[in-house]
N, C-alpha and C. Protein backbone atom coordinates (compact mmCIF):
# COMPACT_ATOMS: atom_id res chain seq x y z
N MET A 1 112.83 81.69 73.07
CA MET A 1 113.57 81.60 71.83
C MET A 1 112.94 80.05 71.08
N LYS A 2 113.08 80.35 69.74
CA LYS A 2 112.54 79.38 68.94
C LYS A 2 113.66 77.86 68.91
N ILE A 3 113.65 77.09 68.60
CA ILE A 3 114.62 75.97 68.54
C ILE A 3 115.36 76.28 67.51
N MET A 4 116.66 76.12 67.21
CA MET A 4 117.47 76.90 66.34
C MET A 4 117.92 75.70 65.21
N ASN A 5 117.91 75.82 63.90
CA ASN A 5 118.02 75.01 63.17
C ASN A 5 119.81 74.86 62.74
N THR A 6 120.19 73.85 62.06
CA THR A 6 121.91 73.34 62.42
C THR A 6 122.52 74.70 61.46
N ASP A 7 121.74 75.20 60.34
CA ASP A 7 122.49 76.70 59.81
C ASP A 7 122.98 77.51 60.93
N GLU A 8 121.87 77.93 61.98
CA GLU A 8 121.88 78.78 62.73
C GLU A 8 122.99 78.31 63.80
N VAL A 9 123.01 77.08 64.28
CA VAL A 9 123.89 76.56 65.30
C VAL A 9 125.49 76.78 64.75
N ILE A 10 125.16 76.34 63.13
CA ILE A 10 126.75 76.78 62.87
C ILE A 10 127.38 77.97 62.68
N ARG A 11 126.36 79.20 62.51
CA ARG A 11 126.79 80.58 62.50
C ARG A 11 127.17 81.05 63.82
N LEU A 12 126.21 80.84 65.12
CA LEU A 12 126.98 80.79 66.22
C LEU A 12 128.18 80.25 66.77
N THR A 13 128.16 78.96 66.25
CA THR A 13 129.72 78.56 66.71
C THR A 13 130.85 79.36 66.03
N VAL A 14 130.66 79.28 64.87
CA VAL A 14 131.69 80.33 63.81
C VAL A 14 131.69 81.51 64.35
N ALA A 15 131.02 82.22 64.69
CA ALA A 15 131.09 83.67 65.29
C ALA A 15 131.69 83.65 66.59
N ALA A 16 131.36 82.66 67.48
CA ALA A 16 132.25 82.42 68.66
C ALA A 16 133.69 82.20 68.57
N LEU A 17 133.84 81.30 67.48
CA LEU A 17 135.38 81.16 67.43
C LEU A 17 136.13 82.25 66.76
N LYS A 18 135.63 82.94 65.69
CA LYS A 18 136.08 84.37 65.05
C LYS A 18 136.43 85.34 66.29
N SER A 19 135.52 85.60 67.18
CA SER A 19 135.37 86.50 68.15
C SER A 19 136.82 86.15 69.33
N LEU A 20 136.86 84.65 69.36
CA LEU A 20 138.07 84.33 70.21
C LEU A 20 139.48 84.74 69.49
N VAL A 21 139.47 84.23 68.20
CA VAL A 21 140.78 84.52 67.71
C VAL A 21 141.16 86.26 67.42
N LYS A 22 139.94 87.01 67.07
CA LYS A 22 140.01 88.30 66.99
C LYS A 22 139.00 89.40 67.89
N PRO A 23 139.13 89.48 69.14
CA PRO A 23 138.03 90.14 69.64
C PRO A 23 137.91 91.51 69.16
N GLY A 24 136.53 91.85 68.78
CA GLY A 24 136.18 93.03 67.93
C GLY A 24 136.52 93.40 66.41
N GLY A 25 137.01 92.17 65.76
CA GLY A 25 137.52 92.30 64.54
C GLY A 25 136.65 91.98 63.63
N THR A 26 136.12 93.26 63.13
CA THR A 26 135.13 93.30 62.38
C THR A 26 135.28 94.25 61.42
N LYS A 27 135.03 94.23 59.91
CA LYS A 27 135.30 95.38 58.93
C LYS A 27 133.91 95.70 58.67
N LYS A 28 132.83 95.27 59.05
CA LYS A 28 131.62 96.01 58.94
C LYS A 28 131.36 97.39 59.63
N LYS A 29 130.86 98.11 58.92
CA LYS A 29 130.93 99.56 59.52
C LYS A 29 129.21 99.63 60.04
N LEU A 30 129.36 100.51 61.31
CA LEU A 30 128.13 100.45 62.24
C LEU A 30 127.13 101.46 61.08
N PRO A 31 125.90 101.28 61.48
CA PRO A 31 125.03 101.97 60.80
C PRO A 31 124.75 103.23 61.37
N LYS A 32 124.67 104.44 60.13
CA LYS A 32 124.63 105.89 60.82
C LYS A 32 123.46 106.71 60.00
N VAL A 33 122.94 107.42 60.72
CA VAL A 33 122.06 108.12 60.11
C VAL A 33 121.68 109.43 61.08
N GLU A 34 121.90 110.64 60.25
CA GLU A 34 121.99 111.94 60.77
C GLU A 34 120.59 112.78 60.75
N SER A 35 120.47 113.90 61.63
CA SER A 35 119.27 114.73 61.75
C SER A 35 119.69 116.08 62.03
N LYS A 36 119.29 117.54 61.55
CA LYS A 36 119.50 118.42 61.84
C LYS A 36 118.18 119.00 62.71
N LYS A 37 117.38 118.01 62.66
CA LYS A 37 115.95 118.59 63.58
C LYS A 37 116.21 117.93 64.66
N TYR A 38 116.31 116.55 64.69
CA TYR A 38 115.91 115.55 65.83
C TYR A 38 117.24 115.33 66.80
N PRO A 39 116.96 115.00 68.00
CA PRO A 39 118.08 114.48 68.69
C PRO A 39 118.93 113.21 68.36
N GLU A 40 119.94 112.79 68.58
CA GLU A 40 120.56 111.66 68.18
C GLU A 40 121.29 110.99 69.09
N ILE A 41 121.58 109.65 69.14
CA ILE A 41 122.22 108.75 69.86
C ILE A 41 123.22 108.16 69.17
N TYR A 42 124.46 108.11 69.77
CA TYR A 42 125.83 107.69 69.23
C TYR A 42 125.94 106.41 70.15
N VAL A 43 126.39 105.25 69.68
CA VAL A 43 126.53 103.95 70.62
C VAL A 43 127.99 103.58 70.22
N PHE A 44 128.91 103.41 70.86
CA PHE A 44 130.34 102.55 71.00
C PHE A 44 130.62 101.75 71.84
N ARG A 45 131.50 101.07 71.53
CA ARG A 45 132.04 99.92 72.23
C ARG A 45 133.34 100.25 73.03
N HIS A 46 133.72 99.96 74.38
CA HIS A 46 135.01 100.58 74.81
C HIS A 46 136.09 99.81 73.82
N GLY A 47 137.17 100.37 74.24
CA GLY A 47 138.61 99.72 73.52
C GLY A 47 138.97 98.58 74.24
N GLU A 48 139.88 98.05 73.64
CA GLU A 48 140.42 96.69 73.84
C GLU A 48 141.22 96.74 75.54
N THR A 49 140.50 95.65 76.32
CA THR A 49 141.10 95.58 77.45
C THR A 49 142.24 94.44 77.59
N PHE A 50 142.84 94.35 78.74
CA PHE A 50 143.54 93.07 78.89
C PHE A 50 142.93 91.75 79.21
N ASP A 51 141.83 91.83 79.65
CA ASP A 51 140.94 90.67 79.13
C ASP A 51 140.66 90.15 77.96
N ASN A 52 140.43 91.24 76.93
CA ASN A 52 140.19 90.89 75.64
C ASN A 52 141.50 90.25 74.99
N ARG A 53 142.41 91.28 75.50
CA ARG A 53 143.63 90.70 74.77
C ARG A 53 144.11 89.18 75.11
N ASN A 54 144.10 88.99 76.34
CA ASN A 54 144.23 87.63 76.97
C ASN A 54 143.22 86.31 76.71
N LYS A 55 142.04 86.87 75.91
CA LYS A 55 141.21 85.60 75.88
C LYS A 55 140.50 85.33 77.42
N ILE A 56 140.23 86.41 77.91
CA ILE A 56 139.56 85.96 79.15
C ILE A 56 138.11 86.43 79.50
N PHE A 57 137.54 85.47 80.28
CA PHE A 57 135.81 85.96 80.38
C PHE A 57 135.73 87.07 81.56
N CYS A 58 135.57 88.30 81.17
CA CYS A 58 135.66 89.63 81.69
C CYS A 58 134.58 89.94 82.53
N GLY A 59 133.42 89.92 81.82
CA GLY A 59 132.16 90.14 82.32
C GLY A 59 132.09 91.49 83.51
N ARG A 60 131.70 91.47 84.70
CA ARG A 60 131.97 92.50 85.69
C ARG A 60 133.44 92.89 86.28
N ARG A 61 134.32 92.22 85.92
CA ARG A 61 135.88 92.39 86.13
C ARG A 61 136.22 93.79 85.56
N ASP A 62 136.94 94.51 86.63
CA ASP A 62 137.29 96.00 86.03
C ASP A 62 138.89 95.85 85.21
N SER A 63 138.59 95.22 83.92
CA SER A 63 139.79 94.99 83.24
C SER A 63 140.19 96.70 82.57
N LYS A 64 141.14 96.92 82.43
CA LYS A 64 141.84 98.24 82.00
C LYS A 64 141.85 98.09 80.52
N ILE A 65 141.57 99.23 80.18
CA ILE A 65 142.00 99.29 78.36
C ILE A 65 143.75 99.42 78.25
N THR A 66 144.02 98.76 77.23
CA THR A 66 145.36 98.74 76.82
C THR A 66 145.63 100.02 76.05
N GLU A 67 147.11 99.87 75.38
CA GLU A 67 147.52 101.04 75.09
C GLU A 67 146.80 100.88 73.47
N ARG A 68 146.55 99.91 73.20
CA ARG A 68 146.06 99.58 71.84
C ARG A 68 144.44 100.12 71.75
N GLY A 69 143.80 99.89 73.01
CA GLY A 69 142.37 100.14 73.52
C GLY A 69 142.38 101.88 73.41
N LYS A 70 143.37 102.52 73.96
CA LYS A 70 143.27 103.88 74.03
C LYS A 70 143.52 104.65 72.66
N LYS A 71 144.34 103.80 71.72
CA LYS A 71 144.38 103.96 70.13
C LYS A 71 143.14 103.99 69.52
N GLN A 72 142.46 103.00 69.70
CA GLN A 72 141.20 102.73 69.42
C GLN A 72 139.87 103.85 69.41
N ALA A 73 139.89 104.13 70.84
CA ALA A 73 139.39 105.18 71.53
C ALA A 73 139.51 106.64 70.85
N ASN A 74 141.12 107.15 70.39
CA ASN A 74 141.41 107.98 69.72
C ASN A 74 140.85 108.04 68.35
N LEU A 75 140.79 107.01 67.53
CA LEU A 75 139.96 106.91 66.34
C LEU A 75 138.69 107.19 66.44
N LEU A 76 137.94 107.23 67.39
CA LEU A 76 136.60 107.43 67.75
C LEU A 76 136.73 109.09 67.79
N THR A 77 137.37 109.67 68.67
CA THR A 77 137.49 111.11 68.62
C THR A 77 137.51 111.85 67.31
N GLU A 78 138.18 111.28 66.53
CA GLU A 78 138.22 112.03 65.20
C GLU A 78 136.76 111.63 64.56
N LYS A 79 136.39 110.49 64.52
CA LYS A 79 135.21 110.38 63.92
C LYS A 79 133.92 111.24 64.62
N LEU A 80 133.91 111.84 65.78
CA LEU A 80 133.30 112.01 66.58
C LEU A 80 133.32 113.73 66.77
N LYS A 81 134.30 114.21 66.19
CA LYS A 81 134.88 115.35 66.44
C LYS A 81 133.59 116.68 65.82
N SER A 82 132.86 116.37 65.03
CA SER A 82 131.86 117.15 64.34
C SER A 82 130.57 117.19 65.05
N LYS A 83 130.50 116.06 65.95
CA LYS A 83 129.21 115.72 66.75
C LYS A 83 129.28 116.68 68.10
N LYS A 84 127.62 117.01 68.02
CA LYS A 84 127.37 117.58 69.46
C LYS A 84 126.75 116.71 70.33
N ILE A 85 127.61 116.65 71.43
CA ILE A 85 127.02 115.51 72.09
C ILE A 85 126.70 116.21 73.66
N ASP A 86 125.55 115.84 74.10
CA ASP A 86 125.00 116.47 75.67
C ASP A 86 125.59 115.78 76.61
N VAL A 87 125.36 114.46 76.55
CA VAL A 87 125.13 113.76 77.98
C VAL A 87 125.66 112.10 77.13
N CYS A 88 126.75 111.74 77.88
CA CYS A 88 126.97 110.57 77.81
C CYS A 88 126.86 109.54 78.66
N VAL A 89 126.42 108.36 78.38
CA VAL A 89 125.83 107.42 79.54
C VAL A 89 127.29 106.22 79.81
N VAL A 90 127.75 105.96 80.56
CA VAL A 90 128.65 105.16 80.89
C VAL A 90 128.46 104.01 82.01
N SER A 91 128.72 102.65 81.89
CA SER A 91 128.73 101.98 83.15
C SER A 91 129.66 102.11 84.23
N SER A 92 129.68 101.34 85.32
CA SER A 92 130.67 101.69 86.57
C SER A 92 132.01 100.96 86.25
N LEU A 93 132.26 100.24 85.18
CA LEU A 93 133.41 99.68 84.76
C LEU A 93 134.44 100.47 83.94
N SER A 94 135.38 100.91 84.72
CA SER A 94 136.48 101.83 84.15
C SER A 94 136.78 102.10 82.79
N ARG A 95 136.39 100.64 82.08
CA ARG A 95 136.97 100.77 80.39
C ARG A 95 135.68 101.55 79.75
N SER A 96 134.53 101.36 80.30
CA SER A 96 133.51 102.14 79.82
C SER A 96 133.77 103.85 79.54
N GLU A 97 134.16 104.20 80.86
CA GLU A 97 134.36 105.62 81.23
C GLU A 97 135.68 106.03 80.56
N ASP A 98 136.49 105.23 80.64
CA ASP A 98 137.80 105.79 80.17
C ASP A 98 137.94 105.91 78.23
N THR A 99 137.37 104.77 77.92
CA THR A 99 137.17 105.06 76.47
C THR A 99 136.31 106.40 76.24
N ALA A 100 135.31 106.66 76.82
CA ALA A 100 134.44 107.65 76.64
C ALA A 100 135.05 109.31 76.82
N LYS A 101 136.15 109.30 77.66
CA LYS A 101 136.68 110.38 78.08
C LYS A 101 137.62 110.31 76.78
N ILE A 102 138.30 109.62 76.25
CA ILE A 102 139.19 110.07 75.21
C ILE A 102 138.37 110.16 73.81
N ALA A 103 137.35 109.41 73.66
CA ALA A 103 136.44 109.58 72.59
C ALA A 103 135.88 110.73 72.52
N LEU A 104 135.73 111.53 73.47
CA LEU A 104 134.83 112.90 73.52
C LEU A 104 135.63 113.95 74.02
N LYS A 105 136.81 113.64 74.26
CA LYS A 105 137.96 114.73 74.50
C LYS A 105 137.80 116.06 73.99
N GLY A 106 137.68 117.17 74.85
CA GLY A 106 137.51 118.62 74.03
C GLY A 106 136.08 118.82 73.69
N LYS A 107 135.10 117.77 74.35
CA LYS A 107 133.62 118.25 74.19
C LYS A 107 133.11 118.66 75.78
N LYS A 108 132.38 119.41 75.93
CA LYS A 108 131.50 119.78 77.22
C LYS A 108 130.47 118.90 77.27
N VAL A 109 130.66 117.85 78.11
CA VAL A 109 129.77 116.48 78.04
C VAL A 109 129.38 116.60 79.43
N SER A 110 128.10 115.78 79.74
CA SER A 110 128.00 115.67 81.25
C SER A 110 127.98 114.02 81.04
N PHE A 111 128.66 113.40 81.90
CA PHE A 111 128.65 111.90 82.27
C PHE A 111 127.77 111.37 83.29
N GLU A 112 126.94 110.35 83.12
CA GLU A 112 126.05 109.98 83.85
C GLU A 112 126.37 107.88 83.90
N VAL A 113 126.25 107.54 85.02
CA VAL A 113 126.44 106.25 84.91
C VAL A 113 125.23 105.41 85.11
N ASP A 114 125.14 104.61 84.23
CA ASP A 114 123.78 103.70 84.22
C ASP A 114 124.19 102.19 84.11
N ASP A 115 124.15 101.41 85.26
CA ASP A 115 124.76 99.88 84.93
C ASP A 115 123.70 98.88 84.11
N ARG A 116 122.56 99.57 84.17
CA ARG A 116 121.85 98.93 82.67
C ARG A 116 122.51 98.37 81.78
N ILE A 117 123.40 99.41 81.13
CA ILE A 117 124.41 98.80 79.72
C ILE A 117 125.78 98.59 80.14
N THR A 118 125.84 97.87 81.53
CA THR A 118 126.91 97.36 81.98
C THR A 118 127.17 96.10 81.21
N GLU A 119 128.36 95.38 81.23
CA GLU A 119 128.71 93.81 80.40
C GLU A 119 127.93 93.00 81.11
N ARG A 120 127.70 91.92 80.63
CA ARG A 120 127.09 90.71 80.85
C ARG A 120 127.82 90.09 82.24
N ASP A 121 127.10 89.93 83.21
CA ASP A 121 127.69 88.97 84.37
C ASP A 121 127.78 87.41 83.86
N TYR A 122 129.25 87.18 83.73
CA TYR A 122 129.78 85.69 83.53
C TYR A 122 129.98 84.90 84.41
N GLY A 123 129.45 85.03 85.74
CA GLY A 123 129.29 84.56 87.12
C GLY A 123 130.60 83.80 87.25
N LYS A 124 130.64 82.53 87.46
CA LYS A 124 131.80 81.75 87.88
C LYS A 124 132.54 81.64 86.67
N LEU A 125 132.46 82.09 85.60
CA LEU A 125 133.32 81.91 84.53
C LEU A 125 134.07 83.45 84.39
N SER A 126 133.70 84.41 84.70
CA SER A 126 134.63 85.44 84.97
C SER A 126 136.21 85.23 85.69
N GLY A 127 137.04 85.89 84.91
CA GLY A 127 138.44 85.58 85.26
C GLY A 127 138.96 84.09 84.50
N THR A 128 138.32 83.43 84.12
CA THR A 128 138.98 82.27 83.67
C THR A 128 139.27 82.35 81.90
N SER A 129 139.64 81.25 81.55
CA SER A 129 140.06 81.32 80.13
C SER A 129 139.02 80.83 79.04
N LYS A 130 138.84 81.75 78.20
CA LYS A 130 138.04 81.19 77.02
C LYS A 130 138.68 80.02 76.27
N VAL A 131 139.58 80.20 76.01
CA VAL A 131 140.26 79.00 75.55
C VAL A 131 140.11 77.60 76.07
N LYS A 132 140.43 77.59 77.40
CA LYS A 132 140.39 76.24 78.26
C LYS A 132 139.27 75.78 77.97
N ILE A 133 137.96 76.66 78.56
CA ILE A 133 136.68 75.87 78.36
C ILE A 133 136.35 75.73 76.84
N LEU A 134 137.11 75.99 76.10
CA LEU A 134 136.57 75.77 74.75
C LEU A 134 137.38 74.32 74.68
N GLU A 135 138.26 74.01 75.02
CA GLU A 135 139.06 72.83 75.01
C GLU A 135 138.47 71.84 75.96
N ASP A 136 137.99 72.17 77.00
CA ASP A 136 137.55 71.36 78.06
C ASP A 136 136.03 70.82 77.46
N ASP A 137 135.31 71.71 77.22
CA ASP A 137 133.88 71.39 76.77
C ASP A 137 133.70 72.40 75.81
N PRO A 138 133.87 71.89 74.30
CA PRO A 138 133.30 72.95 73.22
C PRO A 138 131.84 73.26 72.86
N ILE A 139 130.93 72.57 73.43
CA ILE A 139 129.60 72.71 73.21
C ILE A 139 129.00 73.66 74.25
N LYS A 140 129.48 73.61 75.38
CA LYS A 140 129.32 74.31 76.43
C LYS A 140 129.87 75.90 76.11
N ALA A 141 131.11 75.83 75.63
CA ALA A 141 131.99 76.85 75.39
C ALA A 141 131.03 78.03 74.38
N VAL A 142 130.45 77.37 73.42
CA VAL A 142 129.63 77.94 72.42
C VAL A 142 128.49 78.59 73.00
N LYS A 143 127.57 77.76 73.97
CA LYS A 143 126.26 78.03 74.37
C LYS A 143 126.56 79.28 75.40
N TYR A 144 127.61 79.21 76.20
CA TYR A 144 128.02 80.43 77.02
C TYR A 144 128.28 81.47 76.32
N ARG A 145 128.62 81.68 75.54
CA ARG A 145 129.04 82.79 74.52
C ARG A 145 128.10 83.31 73.71
N ARG A 146 127.53 82.47 73.35
CA ARG A 146 126.42 83.05 71.67
C ARG A 146 125.15 82.53 71.91
N PHE A 147 124.63 81.62 72.78
CA PHE A 147 123.20 81.14 72.72
C PHE A 147 122.47 82.22 73.87
N TYR A 148 121.17 82.44 73.54
CA TYR A 148 120.15 83.35 73.85
C TYR A 148 120.05 83.22 75.15
N ASP A 149 119.37 82.08 75.66
CA ASP A 149 119.10 81.82 77.07
C ASP A 149 119.75 80.65 77.73
N PHE A 150 121.09 80.72 77.87
CA PHE A 150 122.29 79.78 78.32
C PHE A 150 122.87 80.70 79.24
N ALA A 151 122.72 80.51 80.55
CA ALA A 151 123.34 81.67 81.59
C ALA A 151 124.28 80.68 82.24
N PRO A 152 125.98 81.11 82.14
CA PRO A 152 127.08 80.31 83.05
C PRO A 152 126.46 80.46 84.31
N PRO A 153 127.16 79.63 85.04
CA PRO A 153 126.92 79.35 86.46
C PRO A 153 127.05 80.84 87.41
N GLY A 154 125.92 81.16 87.93
CA GLY A 154 125.83 82.31 88.71
C GLY A 154 126.14 83.56 88.04
N GLY A 155 125.77 83.38 86.55
CA GLY A 155 125.64 84.85 85.64
C GLY A 155 124.37 85.14 84.79
N GLU A 156 124.64 85.91 84.07
CA GLU A 156 123.40 86.12 83.20
C GLU A 156 123.29 85.52 81.72
N SER A 157 122.32 85.17 81.14
CA SER A 157 122.01 84.69 79.88
C SER A 157 121.92 85.96 78.95
N MET A 158 121.85 85.82 77.68
CA MET A 158 121.62 87.14 76.91
C MET A 158 120.02 87.44 77.05
N LYS A 159 119.48 86.81 77.38
CA LYS A 159 118.17 87.20 77.62
C LYS A 159 117.66 87.92 78.72
N MET A 160 118.38 87.91 79.86
CA MET A 160 118.58 88.79 81.13
C MET A 160 119.24 89.91 80.95
N VAL A 161 120.23 90.00 79.99
CA VAL A 161 120.68 91.36 79.54
C VAL A 161 119.72 92.29 78.76
N GLU A 162 119.23 91.28 77.76
CA GLU A 162 118.01 91.79 76.99
C GLU A 162 117.04 92.79 77.81
N LYS A 163 116.86 92.07 78.93
CA LYS A 163 115.62 92.67 79.63
C LYS A 163 116.25 94.14 80.44
N ARG A 164 117.22 94.13 80.91
CA ARG A 164 117.71 95.30 81.49
C ARG A 164 118.19 96.48 80.27
N VAL A 165 118.71 96.16 79.52
CA VAL A 165 119.00 96.94 78.26
C VAL A 165 117.94 97.49 77.60
N PHE A 166 116.54 96.78 77.32
CA PHE A 166 115.78 97.25 76.72
C PHE A 166 115.08 97.98 77.58
N LYS A 167 114.98 97.86 78.71
CA LYS A 167 114.37 99.20 79.64
C LYS A 167 114.96 100.44 79.76
N PHE A 168 116.27 100.22 79.60
CA PHE A 168 117.28 101.42 79.50
C PHE A 168 116.80 102.36 78.32
N CYS A 169 116.63 101.64 77.11
CA CYS A 169 116.54 102.41 75.84
C CYS A 169 115.16 102.83 75.75
N GLY A 170 114.24 102.07 76.34
CA GLY A 170 112.77 102.74 76.23
C GLY A 170 112.92 104.20 76.99
N GLU A 171 113.58 104.10 78.47
CA GLU A 171 113.54 105.20 78.92
C GLU A 171 114.45 106.36 78.30
N LEU A 172 115.42 106.05 77.86
CA LEU A 172 116.34 106.92 77.01
C LEU A 172 115.25 107.46 75.90
N VAL A 173 114.76 106.96 74.96
CA VAL A 173 113.94 107.46 73.93
C VAL A 173 113.14 108.57 74.42
N LYS A 174 112.35 108.13 75.65
CA LYS A 174 111.27 109.07 76.30
C LYS A 174 112.05 110.15 76.66
N ARG A 175 113.05 110.05 77.20
CA ARG A 175 113.72 111.55 77.92
C ARG A 175 114.53 112.20 76.83
N MET A 176 114.59 111.72 75.79
CA MET A 176 115.40 112.73 74.82
C MET A 176 114.32 113.27 74.09
N ARG A 177 112.92 112.75 73.75
CA ARG A 177 112.00 113.41 73.21
C ARG A 177 111.78 114.57 74.12
N LYS A 178 111.76 114.39 75.22
CA LYS A 178 111.54 115.66 76.25
C LYS A 178 112.58 116.99 76.04
N SER A 179 113.82 116.36 76.25
CA SER A 179 114.98 117.13 76.23
C SER A 179 115.62 117.51 75.22
N GLY A 180 115.71 116.85 74.13
CA GLY A 180 116.30 117.30 72.75
C GLY A 180 117.67 116.98 72.98
N GLU A 181 118.21 116.36 74.05
CA GLU A 181 119.74 116.12 74.06
C GLU A 181 120.12 115.05 73.20
N ASN A 182 121.55 115.30 72.87
CA ASN A 182 122.06 113.98 71.98
C ASN A 182 122.88 113.31 73.06
N VAL A 183 122.68 112.19 72.88
CA VAL A 183 123.26 111.28 74.01
C VAL A 183 124.20 110.08 73.28
N ALA A 184 125.50 110.17 74.22
CA ALA A 184 126.56 109.02 73.53
C ALA A 184 126.45 107.77 74.74
N ILE A 185 126.32 106.48 74.17
CA ILE A 185 126.33 105.42 75.27
C ILE A 185 127.64 104.75 74.93
N SER A 186 128.48 104.62 75.91
CA SER A 186 129.78 103.95 75.88
C SER A 186 129.88 102.67 76.81
N CYS A 187 129.44 101.63 75.81
CA CYS A 187 128.91 100.32 76.23
C CYS A 187 130.25 99.19 76.19
N HIS A 188 129.46 97.82 76.12
CA HIS A 188 130.22 96.65 76.34
C HIS A 188 129.82 95.89 75.22
N GLY A 189 130.32 94.85 74.76
CA GLY A 189 130.37 93.81 73.81
C GLY A 189 128.68 93.39 73.95
N ASN A 190 128.32 92.71 75.14
CA ASN A 190 126.84 92.12 75.16
C ASN A 190 125.80 93.48 75.00
N SER A 191 126.18 94.36 75.67
CA SER A 191 125.20 95.30 75.92
C SER A 191 124.75 96.16 74.48
N MET A 192 126.07 96.29 74.02
CA MET A 192 126.07 96.86 72.65
C MET A 192 125.17 95.94 71.59
N LYS A 193 125.23 94.75 71.88
CA LYS A 193 124.31 93.85 70.89
C LYS A 193 122.77 93.97 71.36
N MET A 194 122.47 94.21 72.21
CA MET A 194 120.95 94.57 72.76
C MET A 194 120.52 95.78 72.49
N ILE A 195 121.50 96.67 72.49
CA ILE A 195 120.88 98.14 72.32
C ILE A 195 121.10 98.13 70.75
N ARG A 196 121.60 97.35 69.82
CA ARG A 196 121.43 97.23 68.54
C ARG A 196 120.12 96.56 67.96
N TYR A 197 119.85 95.40 68.72
CA TYR A 197 118.77 94.87 68.59
C TYR A 197 117.38 95.38 68.88
N TYR A 198 117.48 96.20 69.80
CA TYR A 198 116.35 97.24 70.43
C TYR A 198 116.02 98.15 69.34
N PHE A 199 116.97 98.88 68.88
CA PHE A 199 116.85 100.08 67.52
C PHE A 199 116.83 99.46 66.37
N GLU A 200 117.50 98.54 65.87
CA GLU A 200 117.61 97.91 64.51
C GLU A 200 116.58 97.12 64.34
N LYS A 201 116.06 96.33 65.08
CA LYS A 201 114.92 95.15 65.01
C LYS A 201 115.67 94.35 64.06
N LEU A 202 116.78 93.72 64.52
CA LEU A 202 117.13 92.47 64.02
C LEU A 202 116.60 91.18 64.41
N GLU A 203 116.93 90.30 63.66
CA GLU A 203 116.58 89.07 64.01
C GLU A 203 117.69 88.43 65.18
N ILE A 204 116.91 87.64 66.01
CA ILE A 204 117.99 87.30 67.21
C ILE A 204 119.29 86.58 66.92
N VAL A 205 119.33 85.98 66.13
CA VAL A 205 120.33 85.27 65.46
C VAL A 205 121.53 85.90 65.17
N ASP A 206 120.90 87.03 64.02
CA ASP A 206 122.06 88.17 63.62
C ASP A 206 122.56 88.97 64.92
N VAL A 207 121.73 89.25 66.16
CA VAL A 207 122.34 89.68 66.89
C VAL A 207 123.40 88.67 68.05
N LEU A 208 122.87 87.71 67.79
CA LEU A 208 123.91 86.72 68.63
C LEU A 208 125.19 86.42 67.99
N VAL A 209 125.32 86.51 66.68
CA VAL A 209 126.67 86.17 65.77
C VAL A 209 127.44 87.57 66.09
N GLN A 210 126.63 88.56 66.17
CA GLN A 210 127.36 90.07 66.09
C GLN A 210 128.51 90.26 66.65
N GLU A 211 129.45 90.78 65.89
CA GLU A 211 130.71 90.97 66.67
C GLU A 211 131.21 92.65 66.15
N ASN A 212 130.82 93.32 67.24
CA ASN A 212 131.12 95.10 67.07
C ASN A 212 132.31 95.38 67.90
N PRO A 213 132.88 96.34 66.97
CA PRO A 213 134.40 96.64 66.84
C PRO A 213 134.75 97.20 68.20
N LEU A 214 136.11 96.99 68.82
CA LEU A 214 136.56 97.68 70.11
C LEU A 214 136.89 98.98 69.73
N GLY A 215 136.00 99.79 70.56
CA GLY A 215 136.65 101.31 69.89
C GLY A 215 136.34 101.64 68.53
N GLU A 216 137.01 102.24 67.89
CA GLU A 216 137.00 102.67 66.38
C GLU A 216 135.82 103.47 65.65
N ASP A 217 134.51 102.85 66.08
CA ASP A 217 133.56 103.27 65.26
C ASP A 217 132.16 103.00 66.22
N PHE A 218 131.27 104.00 65.69
CA PHE A 218 129.88 104.15 66.16
C PHE A 218 128.77 103.85 65.56
N ALA A 219 127.55 103.49 66.48
CA ALA A 219 126.54 103.30 65.51
C ALA A 219 125.63 104.75 65.70
N GLU A 220 124.96 105.21 64.90
CA GLU A 220 124.13 106.50 65.24
C GLU A 220 122.48 106.40 64.98
N TYR A 221 121.74 106.81 65.59
CA TYR A 221 120.33 106.72 65.50
C TYR A 221 119.92 108.08 65.59
N VAL A 222 118.67 108.25 65.20
CA VAL A 222 117.91 109.81 65.37
C VAL A 222 116.64 109.45 65.77
N VAL A 223 116.50 109.98 67.24
CA VAL A 223 114.89 109.93 67.73
C VAL A 223 114.01 111.10 67.26
N THR A 224 113.12 110.47 66.52
CA THR A 224 112.00 111.36 66.04
C THR A 224 110.66 111.52 67.07
N ASP A 225 109.67 112.14 66.61
CA ASP A 225 108.21 112.21 67.56
C ASP A 225 107.80 110.91 67.40
N LYS A 226 108.19 110.07 66.19
CA LYS A 226 107.35 108.73 66.27
C LYS A 226 108.03 107.66 66.51
N GLY A 227 109.49 107.46 66.26
CA GLY A 227 109.83 106.55 66.28
C GLY A 227 111.42 106.75 66.24
N VAL A 228 112.25 105.90 66.06
CA VAL A 228 113.81 105.82 66.13
C VAL A 228 114.40 105.81 64.53
N LYS A 229 115.00 106.64 63.79
CA LYS A 229 115.28 106.38 62.63
C LYS A 229 116.70 105.73 62.41
N VAL A 230 116.57 104.54 61.59
CA VAL A 230 117.99 103.85 61.75
C VAL A 230 118.36 103.08 60.11
N ALA A 231 119.61 103.60 59.66
CA ALA A 231 120.15 103.26 58.64
C ALA A 231 119.59 101.81 58.32
N LYS A 232 119.36 101.68 57.25
CA LYS A 232 119.41 100.44 56.73
C LYS A 232 120.75 99.58 56.85
N THR A 233 120.91 98.56 57.11
CA THR A 233 122.14 97.57 57.36
C THR A 233 121.94 96.21 56.04
N VAL A 234 122.92 95.82 55.89
CA VAL A 234 123.05 94.73 55.10
C VAL A 234 123.50 93.66 55.93
């Protein structure tokens, strides 16, 4: 990754602080494009968990979704009710599957587990307070949460998450072109960033500052014979 300028560092810092105050708190609508001819991908983030609510580094901890998280998933149910979905890919963490089962209730869907879309591993930070590390070392706190190639002790950097997610996305597109299946992906904050990075061809800094909603909304892409069709984003 190139050396960031001051404006980019400020953007990352502000994004880290905003997401700490209100995880998933964004009013930006996710990009959607539809097709009657080609298969579609639906991507959404799990609903609020207890670790989200308590401002804890969650990572691979199996933090359950809260009542609010269930309500967020129910909003997805309404938004996805008219969509035909054949397969839903989830991670092995319960918040991914629990959100998907609420969001897709009433649909005949085949569920598959693929941990390439699981949450970033925060290593030794897992289970610790985001607020405390911000108070103890604000510079490292921002780097751990928003920098591209800065891994927590024993954990993954965003660059490492990118590698596994990109491989998953490439294989998914090939599969869908052969099968014609519509596929939903119930993912996590950081894996969703990298899924959007792959399909939307964003600048890396725009990916790192991204705050995707907890439940509530989904991104939608169309897999054509020649590429993946994506709505323009502002």
